[in-house]
């Protein structure tokens, strides 16, 4: 899917700023997904 990732930050001396990155979600090979995903937490 096309998606846009967003983050609001507050920087001392500047104030609020925005970060915006467009990209795509990816569907990985199921085995690649399993191996990478389970290195973090498979329940999330």
ModelCIF file with pLDDT and N, C-alpha, C, O atoms, coordinates in Angstrom:
data_MODEL
#
_entry.id   MODEL 
#
_entity.id                         1 
_entity.type                       polymer 
_entity.pdbx_number_of_molecules   1 
#
_entity_poly.entity_id                      1 
_entity_poly.type                           'polypeptide(L)' 
_entity_poly.nstd_linkage                   no 
_entity_poly.nstd_monomer                   no 
_entity_poly.pdbx_seq_one_letter_code       
;(UNK)(UNK)(UNK)(UNK)(UNK)(UNK)(UNK)(UNK)(UNK)(UNK)(UNK)(UNK)(UNK)(UNK)(UNK)(UNK)
(UNK)(UNK)(UNK)(UNK)(UNK)(UNK)(UNK)(UNK)(UNK)(UNK)(UNK)(UNK)(UNK)(UNK)(UNK)(UNK)
(UNK)(UNK)(UNK)(UNK)(UNK)(UNK)(UNK)(UNK)(UNK)(UNK)(UNK)(UNK)
;
_entity_poly.pdbx_seq_one_letter_code_can   XXXXXXXXXXXXXXXXXXXXXXXXXXXXXXXXXXXXXXXXXXXX 
_entity_poly.pdbx_strand_id                 A 
#
loop_
_entity_poly_seq.entity_id 
_entity_poly_seq.num 
_entity_poly_seq.mon_id 
_entity_poly_seq.hetero 
1 1  UNK n 
1 2  UNK n 
1 3  UNK n 
1 4  UNK n 
1 5  UNK n 
1 6  UNK n 
1 7  UNK n 
1 8  UNK n 
1 9  UNK n 
1 10 UNK n 
1 11 UNK n 
1 12 UNK n 
1 13 UNK n 
1 14 UNK n 
1 15 UNK n 
1 16 UNK n 
1 17 UNK n 
1 18 UNK n 
1 19 UNK n 
1 20 UNK n 
1 21 UNK n 
1 22 UNK n 
1 23 UNK n 
1 24 UNK n 
1 25 UNK n 
1 26 UNK n 
1 27 UNK n 
1 28 UNK n 
1 29 UNK n 
1 30 UNK n 
1 31 UNK n 
1 32 UNK n 
1 33 UNK n 
1 34 UNK n 
1 35 UNK n 
1 36 UNK n 
1 37 UNK n 
1 38 UNK n 
1 39 UNK n 
1 40 UNK n 
1 41 UNK n 
1 42 UNK n 
1 43 UNK n 
1 44 UNK n 
#
_struct_asym.id          A 
_struct_asym.entity_id   1 
#
loop_
_ma_qa_metric.id 
_ma_qa_metric.mode 
_ma_qa_metric.name 
_ma_qa_metric.software_group_id 
_ma_qa_metric.type 
1 global pLDDT . pLDDT 
2 local  pLDDT . pLDDT 
#
_ma_qa_metric_global.metric_id      1 
_ma_qa_metric_global.metric_value   95.66 
_ma_qa_metric_global.model_id       1 
_ma_qa_metric_global.ordinal_id     1 
#
loop_
_ma_qa_metric_local.label_asym_id 
_ma_qa_metric_local.label_comp_id 
_ma_qa_metric_local.label_seq_id 
_ma_qa_metric_local.metric_id 
_ma_qa_metric_local.metric_value 
_ma_qa_metric_local.model_id 
_ma_qa_metric_local.ordinal_id 
A UNK 1  2 98.00 1 1  
A UNK 2  2 98.00 1 2  
A UNK 3  2 98.00 1 3  
A UNK 4  2 98.00 1 4  
A UNK 5  2 98.00 1 5  
A UNK 6  2 98.00 1 6  
A UNK 7  2 98.00 1 7  
A UNK 8  2 98.00 1 8  
A UNK 9  2 98.00 1 9  
A UNK 10 2 97.00 1 10 
A UNK 11 2 97.00 1 11 
A UNK 12 2 96.00 1 12 
A UNK 13 2 95.00 1 13 
A UNK 14 2 96.00 1 14 
A UNK 15 2 96.00 1 15 
A UNK 16 2 98.00 1 16 
A UNK 17 2 98.00 1 17 
A UNK 18 2 98.00 1 18 
A UNK 19 2 98.00 1 19 
A UNK 20 2 98.00 1 20 
A UNK 21 2 98.00 1 21 
A UNK 22 2 98.00 1 22 
A UNK 23 2 98.00 1 23 
A UNK 24 2 98.00 1 24 
A UNK 25 2 98.00 1 25 
A UNK 26 2 98.00 1 26 
A UNK 27 2 97.00 1 27 
A UNK 28 2 97.00 1 28 
A UNK 29 2 96.00 1 29 
A UNK 30 2 96.00 1 30 
A UNK 31 2 96.00 1 31 
A UNK 32 2 97.00 1 32 
A UNK 33 2 96.00 1 33 
A UNK 34 2 95.00 1 34 
A UNK 35 2 96.00 1 35 
A UNK 36 2 96.00 1 36 
A UNK 37 2 93.00 1 37 
A UNK 38 2 91.00 1 38 
A UNK 39 2 90.00 1 39 
A UNK 40 2 86.00 1 40 
A UNK 41 2 83.00 1 41 
A UNK 42 2 86.00 1 42 
A UNK 43 2 89.00 1 43 
A UNK 44 2 92.00 1 44 
#
loop_
_atom_site.group_PDB 
_atom_site.id 
_atom_site.type_symbol 
_atom_site.label_atom_id 
_atom_site.label_alt_id 
_atom_site.label_comp_id 
_atom_site.label_asym_id 
_atom_site.label_entity_id 
_atom_site.label_seq_id 
_atom_site.pdbx_PDB_ins_code 
_atom_site.Cartn_x 
_atom_site.Cartn_y 
_atom_site.Cartn_z 
_atom_site.occupancy 
_atom_site.B_iso_or_equiv 
_atom_site.pdbx_formal_charge 
_atom_site.auth_seq_id 
_atom_site.auth_comp_id 
_atom_site.auth_asym_id 
_atom_site.auth_atom_id 
_atom_site.pdbx_PDB_model_num 
ATOM 1   N N  . UNK A 1 1  ? 0.836  -1.199  0.000  1.00 98.00 ? 1  UNK A N  1 
ATOM 2   C CA . UNK A 1 1  ? 0.000  0.000   0.000  1.00 98.00 ? 1  UNK A CA 1 
ATOM 3   C C  . UNK A 1 1  ? 0.871  1.248   0.000  1.00 98.00 ? 1  UNK A C  1 
ATOM 4   O O  . UNK A 1 1  ? 1.947  1.245   0.598  1.00 98.00 ? 1  UNK A O  1 
ATOM 5   N N  . UNK A 1 2  ? 0.425  2.319   -0.661 1.00 98.00 ? 2  UNK A N  1 
ATOM 6   C CA . UNK A 1 2  ? 1.095  3.610   -0.475 1.00 98.00 ? 2  UNK A CA 1 
ATOM 7   C C  . UNK A 1 2  ? 0.756  4.161   0.898  1.00 98.00 ? 2  UNK A C  1 
ATOM 8   O O  . UNK A 1 2  ? -0.417 4.224   1.266  1.00 98.00 ? 2  UNK A O  1 
ATOM 9   N N  . UNK A 1 3  ? 1.758  4.557   1.655  1.00 98.00 ? 3  UNK A N  1 
ATOM 10  C CA . UNK A 1 3  ? 1.529  5.128   2.982  1.00 98.00 ? 3  UNK A CA 1 
ATOM 11  C C  . UNK A 1 3  ? 2.475  6.306   3.201  1.00 98.00 ? 3  UNK A C  1 
ATOM 12  O O  . UNK A 1 3  ? 3.484  6.453   2.512  1.00 98.00 ? 3  UNK A O  1 
ATOM 13  N N  . UNK A 1 4  ? 2.132  7.119   4.156  1.00 98.00 ? 4  UNK A N  1 
ATOM 14  C CA . UNK A 1 4  ? 2.965  8.254   4.557  1.00 98.00 ? 4  UNK A CA 1 
ATOM 15  C C  . UNK A 1 4  ? 3.221  8.155   6.048  1.00 98.00 ? 4  UNK A C  1 
ATOM 16  O O  . UNK A 1 4  ? 2.289  8.051   6.845  1.00 98.00 ? 4  UNK A O  1 
ATOM 17  N N  . UNK A 1 5  ? 4.490  8.190   6.416  1.00 98.00 ? 5  UNK A N  1 
ATOM 18  C CA . UNK A 1 5  ? 4.892  8.121   7.823  1.00 98.00 ? 5  UNK A CA 1 
ATOM 19  C C  . UNK A 1 5  ? 5.127  9.543   8.333  1.00 98.00 ? 5  UNK A C  1 
ATOM 20  O O  . UNK A 1 5  ? 5.711  10.371  7.633  1.00 98.00 ? 5  UNK A O  1 
ATOM 21  N N  . UNK A 1 6  ? 4.671  9.819   9.555  1.00 98.00 ? 6  UNK A N  1 
ATOM 22  C CA . UNK A 1 6  ? 4.635  11.185  10.087 1.00 98.00 ? 6  UNK A CA 1 
ATOM 23  C C  . UNK A 1 6  ? 5.186  11.188  11.507 1.00 98.00 ? 6  UNK A C  1 
ATOM 24  O O  . UNK A 1 6  ? 4.970  10.247  12.271 1.00 98.00 ? 6  UNK A O  1 
ATOM 25  N N  . UNK A 1 7  ? 5.896  12.251  11.850 1.00 98.00 ? 7  UNK A N  1 
ATOM 26  C CA . UNK A 1 7  ? 6.298  12.454  13.237 1.00 98.00 ? 7  UNK A CA 1 
ATOM 27  C C  . UNK A 1 7  ? 6.368  13.938  13.532 1.00 98.00 ? 7  UNK A C  1 
ATOM 28  O O  . UNK A 1 7  ? 6.971  14.705  12.780 1.00 98.00 ? 7  UNK A O  1 
ATOM 29  N N  . UNK A 1 8  ? 5.746  14.338  14.631 1.00 98.00 ? 8  UNK A N  1 
ATOM 30  C CA . UNK A 1 8  ? 5.878  15.684  15.164 1.00 98.00 ? 8  UNK A CA 1 
ATOM 31  C C  . UNK A 1 8  ? 6.964  15.661  16.237 1.00 98.00 ? 8  UNK A C  1 
ATOM 32  O O  . UNK A 1 8  ? 6.965  14.787  17.104 1.00 98.00 ? 8  UNK A O  1 
ATOM 33  N N  . UNK A 1 9  ? 7.875  16.609  16.178 1.00 98.00 ? 9  UNK A N  1 
ATOM 34  C CA . UNK A 1 9  ? 8.937  16.728  17.174 1.00 98.00 ? 9  UNK A CA 1 
ATOM 35  C C  . UNK A 1 9  ? 8.945  18.143  17.737 1.00 98.00 ? 9  UNK A C  1 
ATOM 36  O O  . UNK A 1 9  ? 8.415  19.067  17.120 1.00 98.00 ? 9  UNK A O  1 
ATOM 37  N N  . UNK A 1 10 ? 9.538  18.307  18.893 1.00 97.00 ? 10 UNK A N  1 
ATOM 38  C CA . UNK A 1 10 ? 9.776  19.639  19.450 1.00 97.00 ? 10 UNK A CA 1 
ATOM 39  C C  . UNK A 1 10 ? 11.272 19.778  19.692 1.00 97.00 ? 10 UNK A C  1 
ATOM 40  O O  . UNK A 1 10 ? 11.876 18.971  20.399 1.00 97.00 ? 10 UNK A O  1 
ATOM 41  N N  . UNK A 1 11 ? 11.857 20.802  19.101 1.00 97.00 ? 11 UNK A N  1 
ATOM 42  C CA . UNK A 1 11 ? 13.293 21.021  19.151 1.00 97.00 ? 11 UNK A CA 1 
ATOM 43  C C  . UNK A 1 11 ? 13.564 22.316  19.914 1.00 97.00 ? 11 UNK A C  1 
ATOM 44  O O  . UNK A 1 11 ? 13.095 23.383  19.518 1.00 97.00 ? 11 UNK A O  1 
ATOM 45  N N  . UNK A 1 12 ? 14.308 22.224  20.989 1.00 96.00 ? 12 UNK A N  1 
ATOM 46  C CA . UNK A 1 12 ? 14.663 23.435  21.737 1.00 96.00 ? 12 UNK A CA 1 
ATOM 47  C C  . UNK A 1 12 ? 15.351 24.426  20.816 1.00 96.00 ? 12 UNK A C  1 
ATOM 48  O O  . UNK A 1 12 ? 16.276 24.066  20.088 1.00 96.00 ? 12 UNK A O  1 
ATOM 49  N N  . UNK A 1 13 ? 14.905 25.665  20.844 1.00 95.00 ? 13 UNK A N  1 
ATOM 50  C CA . UNK A 1 13 ? 15.459 26.708  19.986 1.00 95.00 ? 13 UNK A CA 1 
ATOM 51  C C  . UNK A 1 13 ? 14.733 26.856  18.672 1.00 95.00 ? 13 UNK A C  1 
ATOM 52  O O  . UNK A 1 13 ? 14.904 27.858  17.979 1.00 95.00 ? 13 UNK A O  1 
ATOM 53  N N  . UNK A 1 14 ? 13.923 25.873  18.316 1.00 96.00 ? 14 UNK A N  1 
ATOM 54  C CA . UNK A 1 14 ? 13.154 25.927  17.065 1.00 96.00 ? 14 UNK A CA 1 
ATOM 55  C C  . UNK A 1 14 ? 11.662 25.884  17.359 1.00 96.00 ? 14 UNK A C  1 
ATOM 56  O O  . UNK A 1 14 ? 10.897 26.702  16.848 1.00 96.00 ? 14 UNK A O  1 
ATOM 57  N N  . UNK A 1 15 ? 11.250 24.928  18.184 1.00 96.00 ? 15 UNK A N  1 
ATOM 58  C CA . UNK A 1 15 ? 9.836  24.703  18.425 1.00 96.00 ? 15 UNK A CA 1 
ATOM 59  C C  . UNK A 1 15 ? 9.399  23.422  17.748 1.00 96.00 ? 15 UNK A C  1 
ATOM 60  O O  . UNK A 1 15 ? 10.225 22.540  17.513 1.00 96.00 ? 15 UNK A O  1 
ATOM 61  N N  . UNK A 1 16 ? 8.111  23.296  17.426 1.00 98.00 ? 16 UNK A N  1 
ATOM 62  C CA . UNK A 1 16 ? 7.637  22.086  16.777 1.00 98.00 ? 16 UNK A CA 1 
ATOM 63  C C  . UNK A 1 16 ? 8.124  21.993  15.333 1.00 98.00 ? 16 UNK A C  1 
ATOM 64  O O  . UNK A 1 16 ? 8.220  23.003  14.636 1.00 98.00 ? 16 UNK A O  1 
ATOM 65  N N  . UNK A 1 17 ? 8.428  20.783  14.895 1.00 98.00 ? 17 UNK A N  1 
ATOM 66  C CA . UNK A 1 17 ? 8.758  20.507  13.502 1.00 98.00 ? 17 UNK A CA 1 
ATOM 67  C C  . UNK A 1 17 ? 8.029  19.236  13.099 1.00 98.00 ? 17 UNK A C  1 
ATOM 68  O O  . UNK A 1 17 ? 7.558  18.475  13.944 1.00 98.00 ? 17 UNK A O  1 
ATOM 69  N N  . UNK A 1 18 ? 7.945  19.023  11.790 1.00 98.00 ? 18 UNK A N  1 
ATOM 70  C CA . UNK A 1 18 ? 7.265  17.843  11.266 1.00 98.00 ? 18 UNK A CA 1 
ATOM 71  C C  . UNK A 1 18 ? 8.219  17.069  10.374 1.00 98.00 ? 18 UNK A C  1 
ATOM 72  O O  . UNK A 1 18 ? 9.016  17.651  9.637  1.00 98.00 ? 18 UNK A O  1 
ATOM 73  N N  . UNK A 1 19 ? 8.126  15.743  10.452 1.00 98.00 ? 19 UNK A N  1 
ATOM 74  C CA . UNK A 1 19 ? 8.836  14.860  9.538  1.00 98.00 ? 19 UNK A CA 1 
ATOM 75  C C  . UNK A 1 19 ? 7.806  14.072  8.737  1.00 98.00 ? 19 UNK A C  1 
ATOM 76  O O  . UNK A 1 19 ? 6.807  13.608  9.287  1.00 98.00 ? 19 UNK A O  1 
ATOM 77  N N  . UNK A 1 20 ? 8.052  13.921  7.433  1.00 98.00 ? 20 UNK A N  1 
ATOM 78  C CA . UNK A 1 20 ? 7.082  13.293  6.538  1.00 98.00 ? 20 UNK A CA 1 
ATOM 79  C C  . UNK A 1 20 ? 7.840  12.431  5.538  1.00 98.00 ? 20 UNK A C  1 
ATOM 80  O O  . UNK A 1 20 ? 8.669  12.936  4.781  1.00 98.00 ? 20 UNK A O  1 
ATOM 81  N N  . UNK A 1 21 ? 7.559  11.135  5.535  1.00 98.00 ? 21 UNK A N  1 
ATOM 82  C CA . UNK A 1 21 ? 8.211  10.242  4.583  1.00 98.00 ? 21 UNK A CA 1 
ATOM 83  C C  . UNK A 1 21 ? 7.154  9.367   3.903  1.00 98.00 ? 21 UNK A C  1 
ATOM 84  O O  . UNK A 1 21 ? 6.438  8.610   4.559  1.00 98.00 ? 21 UNK A O  1 
ATOM 85  N N  . UNK A 1 22 ? 7.074  9.486   2.600  1.00 98.00 ? 22 UNK A N  1 
ATOM 86  C CA . UNK A 1 22 ? 6.171  8.657   1.812  1.00 98.00 ? 22 UNK A CA 1 
ATOM 87  C C  . UNK A 1 22 ? 6.878  7.368   1.393  1.00 98.00 ? 22 UNK A C  1 
ATOM 88  O O  . UNK A 1 22 ? 8.094  7.347   1.205  1.00 98.00 ? 22 UNK A O  1 
ATOM 89  N N  . UNK A 1 23 ? 6.107  6.310   1.251  1.00 98.00 ? 23 UNK A N  1 
ATOM 90  C CA . UNK A 1 23 ? 6.679  5.049   0.813  1.00 98.00 ? 23 UNK A CA 1 
ATOM 91  C C  . UNK A 1 23 ? 5.594  4.015   0.642  1.00 98.00 ? 23 UNK A C  1 
ATOM 92  O O  . UNK A 1 23 ? 4.432  4.344   0.403  1.00 98.00 ? 23 UNK A O  1 
ATOM 93  N N  . UNK A 1 24 ? 5.989  2.747   0.767  1.00 98.00 ? 24 UNK A N  1 
ATOM 94  C CA . UNK A 1 24 ? 5.049  1.640   0.580  1.00 98.00 ? 24 UNK A CA 1 
ATOM 95  C C  . UNK A 1 24 ? 5.223  0.600   1.677  1.00 98.00 ? 24 UNK A C  1 
ATOM 96  O O  . UNK A 1 24 ? 6.331  0.357   2.154  1.00 98.00 ? 24 UNK A O  1 
ATOM 97  N N  . UNK A 1 25 ? 4.109  -0.009  2.068  1.00 98.00 ? 25 UNK A N  1 
ATOM 98  C CA . UNK A 1 25 ? 4.215  -1.201  2.883  1.00 98.00 ? 25 UNK A CA 1 
ATOM 99  C C  . UNK A 1 25 ? 4.660  -2.350  1.981  1.00 98.00 ? 25 UNK A C  1 
ATOM 100 O O  . UNK A 1 25 ? 4.365  -2.362  0.786  1.00 98.00 ? 25 UNK A O  1 
ATOM 101 N N  . UNK A 1 26 ? 5.364  -3.302  2.559  1.00 98.00 ? 26 UNK A N  1 
ATOM 102 C CA . UNK A 1 26 ? 5.923  -4.409  1.782  1.00 98.00 ? 26 UNK A CA 1 
ATOM 103 C C  . UNK A 1 26 ? 5.412  -5.741  2.332  1.00 98.00 ? 26 UNK A C  1 
ATOM 104 O O  . UNK A 1 26 ? 5.237  -5.914  3.538  1.00 98.00 ? 26 UNK A O  1 
ATOM 105 N N  . UNK A 1 27 ? 5.182  -6.661  1.422  1.00 97.00 ? 27 UNK A N  1 
ATOM 106 C CA . UNK A 1 27 ? 4.814  -8.021  1.799  1.00 97.00 ? 27 UNK A CA 1 
ATOM 107 C C  . UNK A 1 27 ? 6.037  -8.899  1.540  1.00 97.00 ? 27 UNK A C  1 
ATOM 108 O O  . UNK A 1 27 ? 6.429  -9.113  0.393  1.00 97.00 ? 27 UNK A O  1 
ATOM 109 N N  . UNK A 1 28 ? 6.625  -9.396  2.607  1.00 97.00 ? 28 UNK A N  1 
ATOM 110 C CA . UNK A 1 28 ? 7.834  -10.204 2.495  1.00 97.00 ? 28 UNK A CA 1 
ATOM 111 C C  . UNK A 1 28 ? 7.492  -11.679 2.296  1.00 97.00 ? 28 UNK A C  1 
ATOM 112 O O  . UNK A 1 28 ? 6.389  -12.126 2.610  1.00 97.00 ? 28 UNK A O  1 
ATOM 113 N N  . UNK A 1 29 ? 8.454  -12.417 1.772  1.00 96.00 ? 29 UNK A N  1 
ATOM 114 C CA . UNK A 1 29 ? 8.356  -13.863 1.750  1.00 96.00 ? 29 UNK A CA 1 
ATOM 115 C C  . UNK A 1 29 ? 7.986  -14.335 3.158  1.00 96.00 ? 29 UNK A C  1 
ATOM 116 O O  . UNK A 1 29 ? 8.590  -13.876 4.128  1.00 96.00 ? 29 UNK A O  1 
ATOM 117 N N  . UNK A 1 30 ? 7.008  -15.240 3.297  1.00 96.00 ? 30 UNK A N  1 
ATOM 118 C CA . UNK A 1 30 ? 6.549  -15.627 4.639  1.00 96.00 ? 30 UNK A CA 1 
ATOM 119 C C  . UNK A 1 30 ? 7.659  -16.094 5.576  1.00 96.00 ? 30 UNK A C  1 
ATOM 120 O O  . UNK A 1 30 ? 7.618  -15.804 6.772  1.00 96.00 ? 30 UNK A O  1 
ATOM 121 N N  . UNK A 1 31 ? 8.632  -16.801 5.057  1.00 96.00 ? 31 UNK A N  1 
ATOM 122 C CA . UNK A 1 31 ? 9.699  -17.284 5.921  1.00 96.00 ? 31 UNK A CA 1 
ATOM 123 C C  . UNK A 1 31 ? 10.609 -16.144 6.350  1.00 96.00 ? 31 UNK A C  1 
ATOM 124 O O  . UNK A 1 31 ? 11.076 -16.111 7.488  1.00 96.00 ? 31 UNK A O  1 
ATOM 125 N N  . UNK A 1 32 ? 10.863 -15.196 5.428  1.00 97.00 ? 32 UNK A N  1 
ATOM 126 C CA . UNK A 1 32 ? 11.667 -14.024 5.784  1.00 97.00 ? 32 UNK A CA 1 
ATOM 127 C C  . UNK A 1 32 ? 10.940 -13.218 6.853  1.00 97.00 ? 32 UNK A C  1 
ATOM 128 O O  . UNK A 1 32 ? 11.546 -12.783 7.833  1.00 97.00 ? 32 UNK A O  1 
ATOM 129 N N  . UNK A 1 33 ? 9.647  -13.023 6.659  1.00 96.00 ? 33 UNK A N  1 
ATOM 130 C CA . UNK A 1 33 ? 8.851  -12.298 7.667  1.00 96.00 ? 33 UNK A CA 1 
ATOM 131 C C  . UNK A 1 33 ? 8.950  -12.981 9.017  1.00 96.00 ? 33 UNK A C  1 
ATOM 132 O O  . UNK A 1 33 ? 9.183  -12.326 10.033 1.00 96.00 ? 33 UNK A O  1 
ATOM 133 N N  . UNK A 1 34 ? 8.772  -14.307 9.035  1.00 95.00 ? 34 UNK A N  1 
ATOM 134 C CA . UNK A 1 34 ? 8.777  -15.036 10.303 1.00 95.00 ? 34 UNK A CA 1 
ATOM 135 C C  . UNK A 1 34 ? 10.103 -14.865 11.041 1.00 95.00 ? 34 UNK A C  1 
ATOM 136 O O  . UNK A 1 34 ? 10.127 -14.587 12.240 1.00 95.00 ? 34 UNK A O  1 
ATOM 137 N N  . UNK A 1 35 ? 11.189 -15.031 10.318 1.00 96.00 ? 35 UNK A N  1 
ATOM 138 C CA . UNK A 1 35 ? 12.498 -14.960 10.971 1.00 96.00 ? 35 UNK A CA 1 
ATOM 139 C C  . UNK A 1 35 ? 12.757 -13.563 11.521 1.00 96.00 ? 35 UNK A C  1 
ATOM 140 O O  . UNK A 1 35 ? 13.209 -13.414 12.656 1.00 96.00 ? 35 UNK A O  1 
ATOM 141 N N  . UNK A 1 36 ? 12.470 -12.530 10.710 1.00 96.00 ? 36 UNK A N  1 
ATOM 142 C CA . UNK A 1 36 ? 12.726 -11.159 11.162 1.00 96.00 ? 36 UNK A CA 1 
ATOM 143 C C  . UNK A 1 36 ? 11.766 -10.760 12.279 1.00 96.00 ? 36 UNK A C  1 
ATOM 144 O O  . UNK A 1 36 ? 12.167 -10.135 13.261 1.00 96.00 ? 36 UNK A O  1 
ATOM 145 N N  . UNK A 1 37 ? 10.511 -11.122 12.123 1.00 93.00 ? 37 UNK A N  1 
ATOM 146 C CA . UNK A 1 37 ? 9.487  -10.706 13.075 1.00 93.00 ? 37 UNK A CA 1 
ATOM 147 C C  . UNK A 1 37 ? 9.737  -11.330 14.447 1.00 93.00 ? 37 UNK A C  1 
ATOM 148 O O  . UNK A 1 37 ? 9.566  -10.666 15.469 1.00 93.00 ? 37 UNK A O  1 
ATOM 149 N N  . UNK A 1 38 ? 10.134 -12.581 14.475 1.00 91.00 ? 38 UNK A N  1 
ATOM 150 C CA . UNK A 1 38 ? 10.287 -13.259 15.754 1.00 91.00 ? 38 UNK A CA 1 
ATOM 151 C C  . UNK A 1 38 ? 11.544 -12.836 16.497 1.00 91.00 ? 38 UNK A C  1 
ATOM 152 O O  . UNK A 1 38 ? 11.734 -13.206 17.656 1.00 91.00 ? 38 UNK A O  1 
ATOM 153 N N  . UNK A 1 39 ? 12.404 -12.063 15.840 1.00 90.00 ? 39 UNK A N  1 
ATOM 154 C CA . UNK A 1 39 ? 13.557 -11.517 16.564 1.00 90.00 ? 39 UNK A CA 1 
ATOM 155 C C  . UNK A 1 39 ? 13.139 -10.388 17.502 1.00 90.00 ? 39 UNK A C  1 
ATOM 156 O O  . UNK A 1 39 ? 13.907 -10.006 18.385 1.00 90.00 ? 39 UNK A O  1 
ATOM 157 N N  . UNK A 1 40 ? 11.933 -9.850  17.324 1.00 86.00 ? 40 UNK A N  1 
ATOM 158 C CA . UNK A 1 40 ? 11.437 -8.771  18.182 1.00 86.00 ? 40 UNK A CA 1 
ATOM 159 C C  . UNK A 1 40 ? 10.381 -9.319  19.132 1.00 86.00 ? 40 UNK A C  1 
ATOM 160 O O  . UNK A 1 40 ? 10.685 -9.625  20.285 1.00 86.00 ? 40 UNK A O  1 
ATOM 161 N N  . UNK A 1 41 ? 9.148  -9.444  18.660 1.00 83.00 ? 41 UNK A N  1 
ATOM 162 C CA . UNK A 1 41 ? 8.078  -10.006 19.474 1.00 83.00 ? 41 UNK A CA 1 
ATOM 163 C C  . UNK A 1 41 ? 6.990  -10.490 18.532 1.00 83.00 ? 41 UNK A C  1 
ATOM 164 O O  . UNK A 1 41 ? 6.336  -9.685  17.868 1.00 83.00 ? 41 UNK A O  1 
ATOM 165 N N  . UNK A 1 42 ? 6.800  -11.766 18.472 1.00 86.00 ? 42 UNK A N  1 
ATOM 166 C CA . UNK A 1 42 ? 5.857  -12.346 17.518 1.00 86.00 ? 42 UNK A CA 1 
ATOM 167 C C  . UNK A 1 42 ? 4.408  -12.100 17.895 1.00 86.00 ? 42 UNK A C  1 
ATOM 168 O O  . UNK A 1 42 ? 3.515  -12.493 17.144 1.00 86.00 ? 42 UNK A O  1 
ATOM 169 N N  . UNK A 1 43 ? 4.140  -11.466 19.025 1.00 89.00 ? 43 UNK A N  1 
ATOM 170 C CA . UNK A 1 43 ? 2.761  -11.202 19.445 1.00 89.00 ? 43 UNK A CA 1 
ATOM 171 C C  . UNK A 1 43 ? 2.319  -9.775  19.151 1.00 89.00 ? 43 UNK A C  1 
ATOM 172 O O  . UNK A 1 43 ? 1.254  -9.353  19.600 1.00 89.00 ? 43 UNK A O  1 
ATOM 173 N N  . UNK A 1 44 ? 3.120  -9.034  18.408 1.00 92.00 ? 44 UNK A N  1 
ATOM 174 C CA . UNK A 1 44 ? 2.785  -7.642  18.099 1.00 92.00 ? 44 UNK A CA 1 
ATOM 175 C C  . UNK A 1 44 ? 2.498  -7.466  16.607 1.00 92.00 ? 44 UNK A C  1 
ATOM 176 O O  . UNK A 1 44 ? 2.197  -6.357  16.163 1.00 92.00 ? 44 UNK A O  1 
#
